[in-house]
Amino acid sequence: MSETKGHFERGRWVEEPEPAPAAPTAGTPDAHEQIEEAARKAGEDLERAINAWAESARKALQKR
């Protein structure tokens, strides 16, 4: 039988929650590279979307 961690509080047993798993740190070189790559890709995607919108607007103006 496993025992749960806890303590008595006002005569009642109160279970202590399990500690949350440690979050990965952003200070590792791999994490920095992943963040930079994701930011670079997001910038490229944004640039493509803006260029496509601008081209669409140019074509719409030429049709007038």
PDB file of N, CA and C in Angstrom:
ATOM      1  N   MET A   1       0.847  -1.180   0.000  1.00  0.00           N
ATOM      2  CA  MET A   1       0.000   0.000   0.000  1.00  0.00           C
ATOM      3  C   MET A   1       0.892   1.242   0.000  1.00  0.00           C
ATOM      4  N   SER A   2       0.640   2.141  -0.914  1.00  0.00           N
ATOM      5  CA  SER A   2       1.467   3.343  -0.991  1.00  0.00           C
ATOM      6  C   SER A   2       0.860   4.432  -0.115  1.00  0.00           C
ATOM      7  N   GLU A   3       1.742   5.181   0.489  1.00  0.00           N
ATOM      8  CA  GLU A   3       1.295   6.270   1.336  1.00  0.00           C
ATOM      9  C   GLU A   3       1.360   7.578   0.562  1.00  0.00           C
ATOM     10  N   THR A   4       0.365   8.411   0.771  1.00  0.00           N
ATOM     11  CA  THR A   4       0.366   9.705   0.111  1.00  0.00           C
ATOM     12  C   THR A   4       1.039  10.725   1.009  1.00  0.00           C
ATOM     13  N   LYS A   5       1.694  11.681   0.385  1.00  0.00           N
ATOM     14  CA  LYS A   5       2.334  12.731   1.156  1.00  0.00           C
ATOM     15  C   LYS A   5       1.270  13.734   1.568  1.00  0.00           C
ATOM     16  N   GLY A   6       1.416  14.214   2.768  1.00  0.00           N
ATOM     17  CA  GLY A   6       0.456  15.183   3.246  1.00  0.00           C
ATOM     18  C   GLY A   6       0.741  15.568   4.677  1.00  0.00           C
ATOM     19  N   HIS A   7      -0.236  16.194   5.275  1.00  0.00           N
ATOM     20  CA  HIS A   7      -0.094  16.630   6.659  1.00  0.00           C
ATOM     21  C   HIS A   7      -1.483  16.776   7.278  1.00  0.00           C
ATOM     22  N   PHE A   8      -1.510  16.802   8.617  1.00  0.00           N
ATOM     23  CA  PHE A   8      -2.764  17.025   9.308  1.00  0.00           C
ATOM     24  C   PHE A   8      -3.026  18.513   9.425  1.00  0.00           C
ATOM     25  N   GLU A   9      -4.264  18.876   9.141  1.00  0.00           N
ATOM     26  CA  GLU A   9      -4.666  20.267   9.249  1.00  0.00           C
ATOM     27  C   GLU A   9      -6.030  20.292   9.926  1.00  0.00           C
ATOM     28  N   ARG A  10      -6.080  20.859  11.132  1.00  0.00           N
ATOM     29  CA  ARG A  10      -7.313  20.915  11.918  1.00  0.00           C
ATOM     30  C   ARG A  10      -7.912  19.526  12.112  1.00  0.00           C
ATOM     31  N   GLY A  11      -7.038  18.564  12.334  1.00  0.00           N
ATOM     32  CA  GLY A  11      -7.484  17.209  12.615  1.00  0.00           C
ATOM     33  C   GLY A  11      -7.832  16.378  11.393  1.00  0.00           C
ATOM     34  N   ARG A  12      -7.621  16.903  10.196  1.00  0.00           N
ATOM     35  CA  ARG A  12      -7.911  16.159   8.976  1.00  0.00           C
ATOM     36  C   ARG A  12      -6.631  15.995   8.170  1.00  0.00           C
ATOM     37  N   TRP A  13      -6.510  14.868   7.463  1.00  0.00           N
ATOM     38  CA  TRP A  13      -5.354  14.614   6.608  1.00  0.00           C
ATOM     39  C   TRP A  13      -5.541  15.345   5.289  1.00  0.00           C
ATOM     40  N   VAL A  14      -4.584  16.189   4.941  1.00  0.00           N
ATOM     41  CA  VAL A  14      -4.630  16.940   3.691  1.00  0.00           C
ATOM     42  C   VAL A  14      -3.486  16.452   2.819  1.00  0.00           C
ATOM     43  N   GLU A  15      -3.839  15.936   1.635  1.00  0.00           N
ATOM     44  CA  GLU A  15      -2.805  15.444   0.730  1.00  0.00           C
ATOM     45  C   GLU A  15      -2.081  16.602   0.084  1.00  0.00           C
ATOM     46  N   GLU A  16      -0.772  16.457  -0.064  1.00  0.00           N
ATOM     47  CA  GLU A  16       0.036  17.473  -0.732  1.00  0.00           C
ATOM     48  C   GLU A  16       0.084  17.142  -2.217  1.00  0.00           C
ATOM     49  N   PRO A  17      -0.105  18.136  -3.072  1.00  0.00           N
ATOM     50  CA  PRO A  17      -0.075  17.862  -4.512  1.00  0.00           C
ATOM     51  C   PRO A  17       1.319  17.460  -4.961  1.00  0.00           C
ATOM     52  N   GLU A  18       1.341  16.675  -6.042  1.00  0.00           N
ATOM     53  CA  GLU A  18       2.615  16.275  -6.622  1.00  0.00           C
ATOM     54  C   GLU A  18       3.289  17.501  -7.218  1.00  0.00           C
ATOM     55  N   PRO A  19       4.590  17.623  -7.082  1.00  0.00           N
ATOM     56  CA  PRO A  19       5.252  18.776  -7.691  1.00  0.00           C
ATOM     57  C   PRO A  19       5.152  18.707  -9.214  1.00  0.00           C
ATOM     58  N   ALA A  20       5.010  19.870  -9.825  1.00  0.00           N
ATOM     59  CA  ALA A  20       4.917  19.950 -11.279  1.00  0.00           C
ATOM     60  C   ALA A  20       6.268  19.607 -11.889  1.00  0.00           C
ATOM     61  N   PRO A  21       6.275  18.945 -13.041  1.00  0.00           N
ATOM     62  CA  PRO A  21       7.556  18.639 -13.681  1.00  0.00           C
ATOM     63  C   PRO A  21       8.278  19.926 -14.070  1.00  0.00           C
ATOM     64  N   ALA A  22       9.566  19.881 -14.048  1.00  0.00           N
ATOM     65  CA  ALA A  22      10.365  21.058 -14.372  1.00  0.00           C
ATOM     66  C   ALA A  22      10.186  21.418 -15.843  1.00  0.00           C
ATOM     67  N   ALA A  23       9.990  22.674 -16.100  1.00  0.00           N
ATOM     68  CA  ALA A  23       9.842  23.160 -17.476  1.00  0.00           C
ATOM     69  C   ALA A  23      11.222  23.240 -18.111  1.00  0.00           C
ATOM     70  N   PRO A  24      11.306  22.972 -19.409  1.00  0.00           N
ATOM     71  CA  PRO A  24      12.610  23.100 -20.064  1.00  0.00           C
ATOM     72  C   PRO A  24      13.074  24.551 -20.025  1.00  0.00           C
ATOM     73  N   THR A  25      14.332  24.717 -19.829  1.00  0.00           N
ATOM     74  CA  THR A  25      14.858  26.080 -19.740  1.00  0.00           C
ATOM     75  C   THR A  25      15.138  26.623 -21.127  1.00  0.00           C
ATOM     76  N   ALA A  26      14.916  27.897 -21.275  1.00  0.00           N
ATOM     77  CA  ALA A  26      15.168  28.543 -22.567  1.00  0.00           C
ATOM     78  C   ALA A  26      16.614  29.000 -22.666  1.00  0.00           C
ATOM     79  N   GLY A  27      17.407  28.680 -21.679  1.00  0.00           N
ATOM     80  CA  GLY A  27      18.784  29.145 -21.681  1.00  0.00           C
ATOM     81  C   GLY A  27      19.756  28.231 -22.386  1.00  0.00           C
ATOM     82  N   THR A  28      19.288  27.112 -22.899  1.00  0.00           N
ATOM     83  CA  THR A  28      20.194  26.193 -23.573  1.00  0.00           C
ATOM     84  C   THR A  28      20.423  26.650 -25.004  1.00  0.00           C
ATOM     85  N   PRO A  29      21.588  26.376 -25.536  1.00  0.00           N
ATOM     86  CA  PRO A  29      21.861  26.776 -26.933  1.00  0.00           C
ATOM     87  C   PRO A  29      20.860  26.181 -27.921  1.00  0.00           C
ATOM     88  N   ASP A  30      20.450  24.922 -27.695  1.00  0.00           N
ATOM     89  CA  ASP A  30      19.480  24.300 -28.599  1.00  0.00           C
ATOM     90  C   ASP A  30      18.157  25.052 -28.570  1.00  0.00           C
ATOM     91  N   ALA A  31      17.724  25.468 -27.392  1.00  0.00           N
ATOM     92  CA  ALA A  31      16.463  26.194 -27.274  1.00  0.00           C
ATOM     93  C   ALA A  31      16.559  27.532 -28.008  1.00  0.00           C
ATOM     94  N   HIS A  32      17.688  28.208 -27.856  1.00  0.00           N
ATOM     95  CA  HIS A  32      17.873  29.480 -28.553  1.00  0.00           C
ATOM     96  C   HIS A  32      17.810  29.284 -30.063  1.00  0.00           C
ATOM     97  N   GLU A  33      18.445  28.236 -30.557  1.00  0.00           N
ATOM     98  CA  GLU A  33      18.432  27.960 -31.997  1.00  0.00           C
ATOM     99  C   GLU A  33      17.013  27.668 -32.484  1.00  0.00           C
ATOM    100  N   GLN A  34      16.268  26.897 -31.696  1.00  0.00           N
ATOM    101  CA  GLN A  34      14.900  26.569 -32.086  1.00  0.00           C
ATOM    102  C   GLN A  34      14.023  27.818 -32.105  1.00  0.00           C
ATOM    103  N   ILE A  35      14.199  28.679 -31.120  1.00  0.00           N
ATOM    104  CA  ILE A  35      13.413  29.911 -31.068  1.00  0.00           C
ATOM    105  C   ILE A  35      13.773  30.813 -32.235  1.00  0.00           C
ATOM    106  N   GLU A  36      15.076  30.948 -32.515  1.00  0.00           N
ATOM    107  CA  GLU A  36      15.503  31.780 -33.636  1.00  0.00           C
ATOM    108  C   GLU A  36      14.986  31.244 -34.960  1.00  0.00           C
ATOM    109  N   GLU A  37      15.025  29.929 -35.141  1.00  0.00           N
ATOM    110  CA  GLU A  37      14.541  29.325 -36.383  1.00  0.00           C
ATOM    111  C   GLU A  37      13.035  29.539 -36.527  1.00  0.00           C
ATOM    112  N   ALA A  38      12.284  29.378 -35.441  1.00  0.00           N
ATOM    113  CA  ALA A  38      10.836  29.594 -35.493  1.00  0.00           C
ATOM    114  C   ALA A  38      10.529  31.053 -35.809  1.00  0.00           C
ATOM    115  N   ALA A  39      11.277  31.975 -35.219  1.00  0.00           N
ATOM    116  CA  ALA A  39      11.066  33.396 -35.487  1.00  0.00           C
ATOM    117  C   ALA A  39      11.415  33.727 -36.933  1.00  0.00           C
ATOM    118  N   ARG A  40      12.492  33.151 -37.440  1.00  0.00           N
ATOM    119  CA  ARG A  40      12.900  33.384 -38.828  1.00  0.00           C
ATOM    120  C   ARG A  40      11.815  32.870 -39.791  1.00  0.00           C
ATOM    121  N   LYS A  41      11.301  31.675 -39.512  1.00  0.00           N
ATOM    122  CA  LYS A  41      10.265  31.102 -40.368  1.00  0.00           C
ATOM    123  C   LYS A  41       8.993  31.940 -40.306  1.00  0.00           C
ATOM    124  N   ALA A  42       8.626  32.404 -39.124  1.00  0.00           N
ATOM    125  CA  ALA A  42       7.434  33.243 -38.986  1.00  0.00           C
ATOM    126  C   ALA A  42       7.608  34.543 -39.774  1.00  0.00           C
ATOM    127  N   GLY A  43       8.803  35.112 -39.728  1.00  0.00           N
ATOM    128  CA  GLY A  43       9.081  36.333 -40.484  1.00  0.00           C
ATOM    129  C   GLY A  43       8.971  36.102 -41.976  1.00  0.00           C
ATOM    130  N   GLU A  44       9.495  34.971 -42.442  1.00  0.00           N
ATOM    131  CA  GLU A  44       9.414  34.645 -43.867  1.00  0.00           C
ATOM    132  C   GLU A  44       7.965  34.434 -44.290  1.00  0.00           C
ATOM    133  N   ASP A  45       7.198  33.725 -43.453  1.00  0.00           N
ATOM    134  CA  ASP A  45       5.779  33.500 -43.771  1.00  0.00           C
ATOM    135  C   ASP A  45       5.015  34.815 -43.821  1.00  0.00           C
ATOM    136  N   LEU A  46       5.315  35.700 -42.888  1.00  0.00           N
ATOM    137  CA  LEU A  46       4.652  37.003 -42.863  1.00  0.00           C
ATOM    138  C   LEU A  46       5.013  37.812 -44.098  1.00  0.00           C
ATOM    139  N   GLU A  47       6.277  37.796 -44.462  1.00  0.00           N
ATOM    140  CA  GLU A  47       6.719  38.531 -45.639  1.00  0.00           C
ATOM    141  C   GLU A  47       6.024  38.011 -46.900  1.00  0.00           C
ATOM    142  N   ARG A  48       5.920  36.671 -47.040  1.00  0.00           N
ATOM    143  CA  ARG A  48       5.229  36.092 -48.196  1.00  0.00           C
ATOM    144  C   ARG A  48       3.764  36.518 -48.225  1.00  0.00           C
ATOM    145  N   ALA A  49       3.123  36.505 -47.064  1.00  0.00           N
ATOM    146  CA  ALA A  49       1.709  36.880 -47.000  1.00  0.00           C
ATOM    147  C   ALA A  49       1.522  38.350 -47.376  1.00  0.00           C
ATOM    148  N   ILE A  50       2.397  39.211 -46.893  1.00  0.00           N
ATOM    149  CA  ILE A  50       2.298  40.639 -47.227  1.00  0.00           C
ATOM    150  C   ILE A  50       2.533  40.852 -48.711  1.00  0.00           C
ATOM    151  N   ASN A  51       3.530  40.174 -49.273  1.00  0.00           N
ATOM    152  CA  ASN A  51       3.812  40.308 -50.703  1.00  0.00           C
ATOM    153  C   ASN A  51       2.646  39.818 -51.551  1.00  0.00           C
ATOM    154  N   ALA A  52       2.029  38.707 -51.140  1.00  0.00           N
ATOM    155  CA  ALA A  52       0.885  38.182 -51.880  1.00  0.00           C
ATOM    156  C   ALA A  52      -0.282  39.163 -51.814  1.00  0.00           C
ATOM    157  N   TRP A  53      -0.513  39.735 -50.641  1.00  0.00           N
ATOM    158  CA  TRP A  53      -1.586  40.718 -50.495  1.00  0.00           C
ATOM    159  C   TRP A  53      -1.304  41.954 -51.353  1.00  0.00           C
ATOM    160  N   ALA A  54      -0.070  42.430 -51.335  1.00  0.00           N
ATOM    161  CA  ALA A  54       0.297  43.613 -52.109  1.00  0.00           C
ATOM    162  C   ALA A  54       0.117  43.349 -53.608  1.00  0.00           C
ATOM    163  N   GLU A  55       0.518  42.181 -54.065  1.00  0.00           N
ATOM    164  CA  GLU A  55       0.361  41.822 -55.484  1.00  0.00           C
ATOM    165  C   GLU A  55      -1.115  41.768 -55.856  1.00  0.00           C
ATOM    166  N   SER A  56      -1.922  41.208 -54.982  1.00  0.00           N
ATOM    167  CA  SER A  56      -3.358  41.141 -55.218  1.00  0.00           C
ATOM    168  C   SER A  56      -3.949  42.550 -55.298  1.00  0.00           C
ATOM    169  N   ALA A  57      -3.514  43.426 -54.428  1.00  0.00           N
ATOM    170  CA  ALA A  57      -4.002  44.813 -54.448  1.00  0.00           C
ATOM    171  C   ALA A  57      -3.565  45.524 -55.729  1.00  0.00           C
ATOM    172  N   ARG A  58      -2.321  45.286 -56.178  1.00  0.00           N
ATOM    173  CA  ARG A  58      -1.830  45.890 -57.418  1.00  0.00           C
ATOM    174  C   ARG A  58      -2.675  45.448 -58.614  1.00  0.00           C
ATOM    175  N   LYS A  59      -2.946  44.138 -58.667  1.00  0.00           N
ATOM    176  CA  LYS A  59      -3.755  43.611 -59.770  1.00  0.00           C
ATOM    177  C   LYS A  59      -5.166  44.187 -59.748  1.00  0.00           C
ATOM    178  N   ALA A  60      -5.733  44.322 -58.563  1.00  0.00           N
ATOM    179  CA  ALA A  60      -7.074  44.871 -58.456  1.00  0.00           C
ATOM    180  C   ALA A  60      -7.102  46.332 -58.919  1.00  0.00           C
ATOM    181  N   LEU A  61      -6.073  47.085 -58.608  1.00  0.00           N
ATOM    182  CA  LEU A  61      -6.005  48.483 -59.042  1.00  0.00           C
ATOM    183  C   LEU A  61      -5.800  48.596 -60.546  1.00  0.00           C
ATOM    184  N   GLN A  62      -5.061  47.668 -61.153  1.00  0.00           N
ATOM    185  CA  GLN A  62      -4.819  47.701 -62.597  1.00  0.00           C
ATOM    186  C   GLN A  62      -6.085  47.390 -63.381  1.00  0.00           C
ATOM    187  N   LYS A  63      -6.989  46.621 -62.794  1.00  0.00           N
ATOM    188  CA  LYS A  63      -8.230  46.259 -63.479  1.00  0.00           C
ATOM    189  C   LYS A  63      -9.175  47.446 -63.577  1.00  0.00           C
ATOM    190  N   ARG A  64      -8.999  48.444 -62.770  1.00  0.00           N
ATOM    191  CA  ARG A  64      -9.915  49.598 -62.773  1.00  0.00           C
ATOM    192  C   ARG A  64      -9.774  50.422 -63.980  1.00  0.00           C
TER     193      ARG A  64
END
